[in-house]
Amino acid sequence: MRKIGDSDLLMLKRKAVALGLCGEYKGLWDSAQSQEELLRIALDANGIEFVADSIAFGWGLSKDYILKHFSDYINGEYTCRQNGYNSELFVGKEGDVTVSSTLNLFAYCGKLKINIPKNFVCKLYVCGGGDVSIDNCGDIELYVYGDCNVGVLNLRSTSHRMDIKKSSWV
């Protein structure tokens, strides 16, 4: 495992601070001692939007970096449980995945089909390109960052889609 303070993470942190990362999150980041602790910050309700934005608009961690340094915590290997909800990170995922967490970040995915179980309620964040289809039998809030090809079957009236074409940070 690579040291938490490596140059790629430090560069991302410096960018985040320069772009207005709040003191609370800077403090959490400063005190993180492991990849799991960093991932918990990234996958909380505010952090997940930051990560999606950073990846989609080219100032975040690369696919290769995440696959290499966070492989134990992605693609269904780890579920972050905090503050009354669950969240997961999928990176470079292809094939089929059935969502089982409240918050789900899909980054740099190839040809991927996301299945939402009947009556399941969740948020999906898609970024980093890819060709993603969603079979929605539940209720979703879908946030598509940047240039991703995302199709939804059964976008119900109680579901919501937002396409984000410009960074909220840069």
C-alpha atoms as a PDB file:
ATOM      1  CA  MET A   1       0.000   0.000   0.000  1.00  0.00           C
ATOM      2  CA  ARG A   2       1.268   3.418  -0.962  1.00  0.00           C
ATOM      3  CA  LYS A   3       1.656   6.112   1.689  1.00  0.00           C
ATOM      4  CA  ILE A   4      -1.412   8.346   2.137  1.00  0.00           C
ATOM      5  CA  GLY A   5       0.622  11.488   1.440  1.00  0.00           C
ATOM      6  CA  ASP A   6       1.755  10.475  -2.049  1.00  0.00           C
ATOM      7  CA  SER A   7       2.111  13.100  -4.770  1.00  0.00           C
ATOM      8  CA  ASP A   8      -1.146  12.366  -6.673  1.00  0.00           C
ATOM      9  CA  LEU A   9      -3.258  12.718  -3.530  1.00  0.00           C
ATOM     10  CA  LEU A  10      -1.330  15.780  -2.401  1.00  0.00           C
ATOM     11  CA  MET A  11      -1.886  17.412  -5.780  1.00  0.00           C
ATOM     12  CA  LEU A  12      -5.628  16.694  -5.587  1.00  0.00           C
ATOM     13  CA  LYS A  13      -5.765  18.032  -2.032  1.00  0.00           C
ATOM     14  CA  ARG A  14      -3.933  21.233  -3.025  1.00  0.00           C
ATOM     15  CA  LYS A  15      -6.363  21.745  -5.917  1.00  0.00           C
ATOM     16  CA  ALA A  16      -9.330  21.137  -3.620  1.00  0.00           C
ATOM     17  CA  VAL A  17      -8.075  23.615  -1.018  1.00  0.00           C
ATOM     18  CA  ALA A  18      -7.354  26.211  -3.728  1.00  0.00           C
ATOM     19  CA  LEU A  19     -10.889  25.728  -5.051  1.00  0.00           C
ATOM     20  CA  GLY A  20     -12.473  26.280  -1.653  1.00  0.00           C
ATOM     21  CA  LEU A  21     -12.537  22.948   0.209  1.00  0.00           C
ATOM     22  CA  CYS A  22     -14.064  23.758   3.592  1.00  0.00           C
ATOM     23  CA  GLY A  23     -12.099  23.552   6.820  1.00  0.00           C
ATOM     24  CA  GLU A  24     -14.069  20.558   8.090  1.00  0.00           C
ATOM     25  CA  TYR A  25     -13.171  18.404   5.079  1.00  0.00           C
ATOM     26  CA  LYS A  26      -9.573  19.633   5.057  1.00  0.00           C
ATOM     27  CA  GLY A  27      -9.353  18.537   8.697  1.00  0.00           C
ATOM     28  CA  LEU A  28     -10.828  15.124   7.909  1.00  0.00           C
ATOM     29  CA  TRP A  29      -8.394  14.712   5.009  1.00  0.00           C
ATOM     30  CA  ASP A  30      -5.434  15.800   7.193  1.00  0.00           C
ATOM     31  CA  SER A  31      -6.318  13.222   9.854  1.00  0.00           C
ATOM     32  CA  ALA A  32      -6.946  10.286   7.451  1.00  0.00           C
ATOM     33  CA  GLN A  33      -4.530   7.438   8.137  1.00  0.00           C
ATOM     34  CA  SER A  34      -5.625   4.852   5.554  1.00  0.00           C
ATOM     35  CA  GLN A  35      -7.191   4.367   2.134  1.00  0.00           C
ATOM     36  CA  GLU A  36     -10.413   3.331   3.870  1.00  0.00           C
ATOM     37  CA  GLU A  37     -10.570   6.594   5.814  1.00  0.00           C
ATOM     38  CA  LEU A  38      -9.996   8.592   2.618  1.00  0.00           C
ATOM     39  CA  LEU A  39     -12.698   6.616   0.856  1.00  0.00           C
ATOM     40  CA  ARG A  40     -15.142   7.281   3.695  1.00  0.00           C
ATOM     41  CA  ILE A  41     -14.580  11.018   3.157  1.00  0.00           C
ATOM     42  CA  ALA A  42     -14.986  10.631  -0.613  1.00  0.00           C
ATOM     43  CA  LEU A  43     -18.191   8.619  -0.327  1.00  0.00           C
ATOM     44  CA  ASP A  44     -20.111  10.748   2.115  1.00  0.00           C
ATOM     45  CA  ALA A  45     -23.043  12.775   0.792  1.00  0.00           C
ATOM     46  CA  ASN A  46     -20.913  15.846   0.036  1.00  0.00           C
ATOM     47  CA  GLY A  47     -17.669  14.131  -0.906  1.00  0.00           C
ATOM     48  CA  ILE A  48     -19.246  11.986  -3.597  1.00  0.00           C
ATOM     49  CA  GLU A  49     -20.268  15.064  -5.612  1.00  0.00           C
ATOM     50  CA  PHE A  50     -16.757  16.508  -5.249  1.00  0.00           C
ATOM     51  CA  VAL A  51     -15.176  13.277  -6.521  1.00  0.00           C
ATOM     52  CA  ALA A  52     -17.596  12.963  -9.454  1.00  0.00           C
ATOM     53  CA  ASP A  53     -16.920  16.572 -10.472  1.00  0.00           C
ATOM     54  CA  SER A  54     -13.148  16.183 -10.181  1.00  0.00           C
ATOM     55  CA  ILE A  55     -13.121  13.063 -12.355  1.00  0.00           C
ATOM     56  CA  ALA A  56     -15.557  14.346 -14.981  1.00  0.00           C
ATOM     57  CA  PHE A  57     -13.789  17.654 -15.475  1.00  0.00           C
ATOM     58  CA  GLY A  58     -10.207  16.403 -15.461  1.00  0.00           C
ATOM     59  CA  TRP A  59      -8.770  17.535 -12.149  1.00  0.00           C
ATOM     60  CA  GLY A  60      -9.328  14.383 -10.065  1.00  0.00           C
ATOM     61  CA  LEU A  61      -7.574  11.062  -9.661  1.00  0.00           C
ATOM     62  CA  SER A  62      -7.085   8.920 -12.761  1.00  0.00           C
ATOM     63  CA  LYS A  63      -8.723   5.574 -13.361  1.00  0.00           C
ATOM     64  CA  ASP A  64      -5.357   3.820 -13.145  1.00  0.00           C
ATOM     65  CA  TYR A  65      -4.521   5.486  -9.848  1.00  0.00           C
ATOM     66  CA  ILE A  66      -7.827   4.519  -8.243  1.00  0.00           C
ATOM     67  CA  LEU A  67      -7.641   0.945  -9.545  1.00  0.00           C
ATOM     68  CA  LYS A  68      -4.088   0.565  -8.259  1.00  0.00           C
ATOM     69  CA  HIS A  69      -4.423   2.193  -4.833  1.00  0.00           C
ATOM     70  CA  PHE A  70      -8.056   1.595  -3.869  1.00  0.00           C
ATOM     71  CA  SER A  71      -8.736  -1.839  -5.402  1.00  0.00           C
ATOM     72  CA  ASP A  72      -9.751  -3.318  -2.029  1.00  0.00           C
ATOM     73  CA  TYR A  73     -12.546  -0.748  -1.743  1.00  0.00           C
ATOM     74  CA  ILE A  74     -14.172  -0.605  -5.184  1.00  0.00           C
ATOM     75  CA  ASN A  75     -16.482  -2.587  -7.465  1.00  0.00           C
ATOM     76  CA  GLY A  76     -18.527  -4.209  -4.741  1.00  0.00           C
ATOM     77  CA  GLU A  77     -15.601  -5.083  -2.450  1.00  0.00           C
ATOM     78  CA  TYR A  78     -16.500  -2.470   0.163  1.00  0.00           C
ATOM     79  CA  THR A  79     -19.635  -0.715   1.367  1.00  0.00           C
ATOM     80  CA  CYS A  80     -19.170   2.478   3.328  1.00  0.00           C
ATOM     81  CA  ARG A  81     -21.716   2.642   6.145  1.00  0.00           C
ATOM     82  CA  GLN A  82     -22.025   6.043   7.809  1.00  0.00           C
ATOM     83  CA  ASN A  83     -24.589   8.629   8.888  1.00  0.00           C
ATOM     84  CA  GLY A  84     -27.557   6.324   8.248  1.00  0.00           C
ATOM     85  CA  TYR A  85     -26.790   5.425   4.631  1.00  0.00           C
ATOM     86  CA  ASN A  86     -24.546   3.139   2.579  1.00  0.00           C
ATOM     87  CA  SER A  87     -22.340   4.165  -0.330  1.00  0.00           C
ATOM     88  CA  GLU A  88     -20.161   2.395  -2.885  1.00  0.00           C
ATOM     89  CA  LEU A  89     -17.598   3.244  -5.553  1.00  0.00           C
ATOM     90  CA  PHE A  90     -17.394   1.444  -8.901  1.00  0.00           C
ATOM     91  CA  VAL A  91     -14.390   2.182 -11.129  1.00  0.00           C
ATOM     92  CA  GLY A  92     -13.816   0.776 -14.614  1.00  0.00           C
ATOM     93  CA  LYS A  93     -16.703  -1.628 -14.059  1.00  0.00           C
ATOM     94  CA  GLU A  94     -18.222  -3.451 -17.040  1.00  0.00           C
ATOM     95  CA  GLY A  95     -21.036  -5.977 -17.319  1.00  0.00           C
ATOM     96  CA  ASP A  96     -23.978  -5.923 -14.889  1.00  0.00           C
ATOM     97  CA  VAL A  97     -24.262  -4.588 -11.362  1.00  0.00           C
ATOM     98  CA  THR A  98     -27.294  -4.528  -9.080  1.00  0.00           C
ATOM     99  CA  VAL A  99     -27.315  -1.538  -6.771  1.00  0.00           C
ATOM    100  CA  SER A 100     -27.659  -2.203  -3.050  1.00  0.00           C
ATOM    101  CA  SER A 101     -26.464   1.102  -1.548  1.00  0.00           C
ATOM    102  CA  THR A 102     -28.118   4.479  -1.116  1.00  0.00           C
ATOM    103  CA  LEU A 103     -25.289   6.435  -2.810  1.00  0.00           C
ATOM    104  CA  ASN A 104     -23.376   4.957  -5.746  1.00  0.00           C
ATOM    105  CA  LEU A 105     -20.522   6.498  -7.710  1.00  0.00           C
ATOM    106  CA  PHE A 106     -19.732   4.989 -11.126  1.00  0.00           C
ATOM    107  CA  ALA A 107     -16.464   6.349 -12.550  1.00  0.00           C
ATOM    108  CA  TYR A 108     -14.632   5.485 -15.755  1.00  0.00           C
ATOM    109  CA  CYS A 109     -17.007   2.582 -16.441  1.00  0.00           C
ATOM    110  CA  GLY A 110     -17.105   0.876 -19.834  1.00  0.00           C
ATOM    111  CA  LYS A 111     -20.207  -0.863 -21.120  1.00  0.00           C
ATOM    112  CA  LEU A 112     -22.185  -1.243 -17.918  1.00  0.00           C
ATOM    113  CA  LYS A 113     -25.780  -2.114 -17.067  1.00  0.00           C
ATOM    114  CA  ILE A 114     -26.955  -0.897 -13.666  1.00  0.00           C
ATOM    115  CA  ASN A 115     -30.002  -2.663 -12.227  1.00  0.00           C
ATOM    116  CA  ILE A 116     -32.159  -0.864  -9.657  1.00  0.00           C
ATOM    117  CA  PRO A 117     -34.330  -3.331  -7.707  1.00  0.00           C
ATOM    118  CA  LYS A 118     -38.083  -2.861  -7.400  1.00  0.00           C
ATOM    119  CA  ASN A 119     -39.023  -0.103  -4.924  1.00  0.00           C
ATOM    120  CA  PHE A 120     -35.354   0.625  -4.136  1.00  0.00           C
ATOM    121  CA  VAL A 121     -34.484   4.315  -3.625  1.00  0.00           C
ATOM    122  CA  CYS A 122     -30.976   5.563  -4.382  1.00  0.00           C
ATOM    123  CA  LYS A 123     -28.724   8.199  -5.886  1.00  0.00           C
ATOM    124  CA  LEU A 124     -26.418   7.405  -8.800  1.00  0.00           C
ATOM    125  CA  TYR A 125     -23.459   9.546  -9.817  1.00  0.00           C
ATOM    126  CA  VAL A 126     -21.916   8.705 -13.207  1.00  0.00           C
ATOM    127  CA  CYS A 127     -18.683  10.315 -14.428  1.00  0.00           C
ATOM    128  CA  GLY A 128     -15.538   9.704 -16.440  1.00  0.00           C
ATOM    129  CA  GLY A 129     -17.138   8.642 -19.731  1.00  0.00           C
ATOM    130  CA  GLY A 130     -18.518   5.235 -20.555  1.00  0.00           C
ATOM    131  CA  ASP A 131     -21.616   3.643 -21.968  1.00  0.00           C
ATOM    132  CA  VAL A 132     -24.043   3.058 -19.110  1.00  0.00           C
ATOM    133  CA  SER A 133     -27.607   1.773 -19.189  1.00  0.00           C
ATOM    134  CA  ILE A 134     -29.865   1.763 -16.159  1.00  0.00           C
ATOM    135  CA  ASP A 135     -32.791  -0.610 -15.719  1.00  0.00           C
ATOM    136  CA  ASN A 136     -34.821   1.276 -13.143  1.00  0.00           C
ATOM    137  CA  CYS A 137     -37.466  -0.609 -11.193  1.00  0.00           C
ATOM    138  CA  GLY A 138     -37.122   1.738  -8.220  1.00  0.00           C
ATOM    139  CA  ASP A 139     -36.774   5.471  -7.681  1.00  0.00           C
ATOM    140  CA  ILE A 140     -33.506   7.153  -8.525  1.00  0.00           C
ATOM    141  CA  GLU A 141     -31.807  10.490  -8.481  1.00  0.00           C
ATOM    142  CA  LEU A 142     -29.333  10.325 -11.357  1.00  0.00           C
ATOM    143  CA  TYR A 143     -26.470  12.782 -11.718  1.00  0.00           C
ATOM    144  CA  VAL A 144     -24.517  12.503 -14.977  1.00  0.00           C
ATOM    145  CA  TYR A 145     -21.264  14.474 -14.926  1.00  0.00           C
ATOM    146  CA  GLY A 146     -19.505  15.505 -18.128  1.00  0.00           C
ATOM    147  CA  ASP A 147     -19.592  13.378 -21.254  1.00  0.00           C
ATOM    148  CA  CYS A 148     -21.149  10.031 -20.407  1.00  0.00           C
ATOM    149  CA  ASN A 149     -23.580   8.073 -22.524  1.00  0.00           C
ATOM    150  CA  VAL A 150     -26.281   7.129 -20.008  1.00  0.00           C
ATOM    151  CA  GLY A 151     -29.609   5.616 -20.984  1.00  0.00           C
ATOM    152  CA  VAL A 152     -32.415   4.897 -18.546  1.00  0.00           C
ATOM    153  CA  LEU A 153     -35.195   2.359 -18.961  1.00  0.00           C
ATOM    154  CA  ASN A 154     -38.276   3.201 -16.923  1.00  0.00           C
ATOM    155  CA  LEU A 155     -37.394   6.713 -15.746  1.00  0.00           C
ATOM    156  CA  ARG A 156     -40.387   6.967 -13.435  1.00  0.00           C
ATOM    157  CA  SER A 157     -42.127  10.219 -12.566  1.00  0.00           C
ATOM    158  CA  THR A 158     -40.700   9.988  -9.057  1.00  0.00           C
ATOM    159  CA  SER A 159     -37.168   9.684 -10.442  1.00  0.00           C
ATOM    160  CA  HIS A 160     -34.949  12.596 -11.372  1.00  0.00           C
ATOM    161  CA  ARG A 161     -32.074  13.072 -13.840  1.00  0.00           C
ATOM    162  CA  MET A 162     -29.616  15.956 -13.851  1.00  0.00           C
ATOM    163  CA  ASP A 163     -26.903  16.334 -16.501  1.00  0.00           C
ATOM    164  CA  ILE A 164     -23.975  18.373 -15.198  1.00  0.00           C
ATOM    165  CA  LYS A 165     -21.899  19.763 -18.064  1.00  0.00           C
ATOM    166  CA  LYS A 166     -19.790  22.278 -16.123  1.00  0.00           C
ATOM    167  CA  SER A 167     -17.715  21.902 -12.977  1.00  0.00           C
ATOM    168  CA  SER A 168     -19.135  23.298  -9.758  1.00  0.00           C
ATOM    169  CA  TRP A 169     -15.563  23.833  -8.546  1.00  0.00           C
ATOM    170  CA  VAL A 170     -13.378  25.031 -11.404  1.00  0.00           C
END
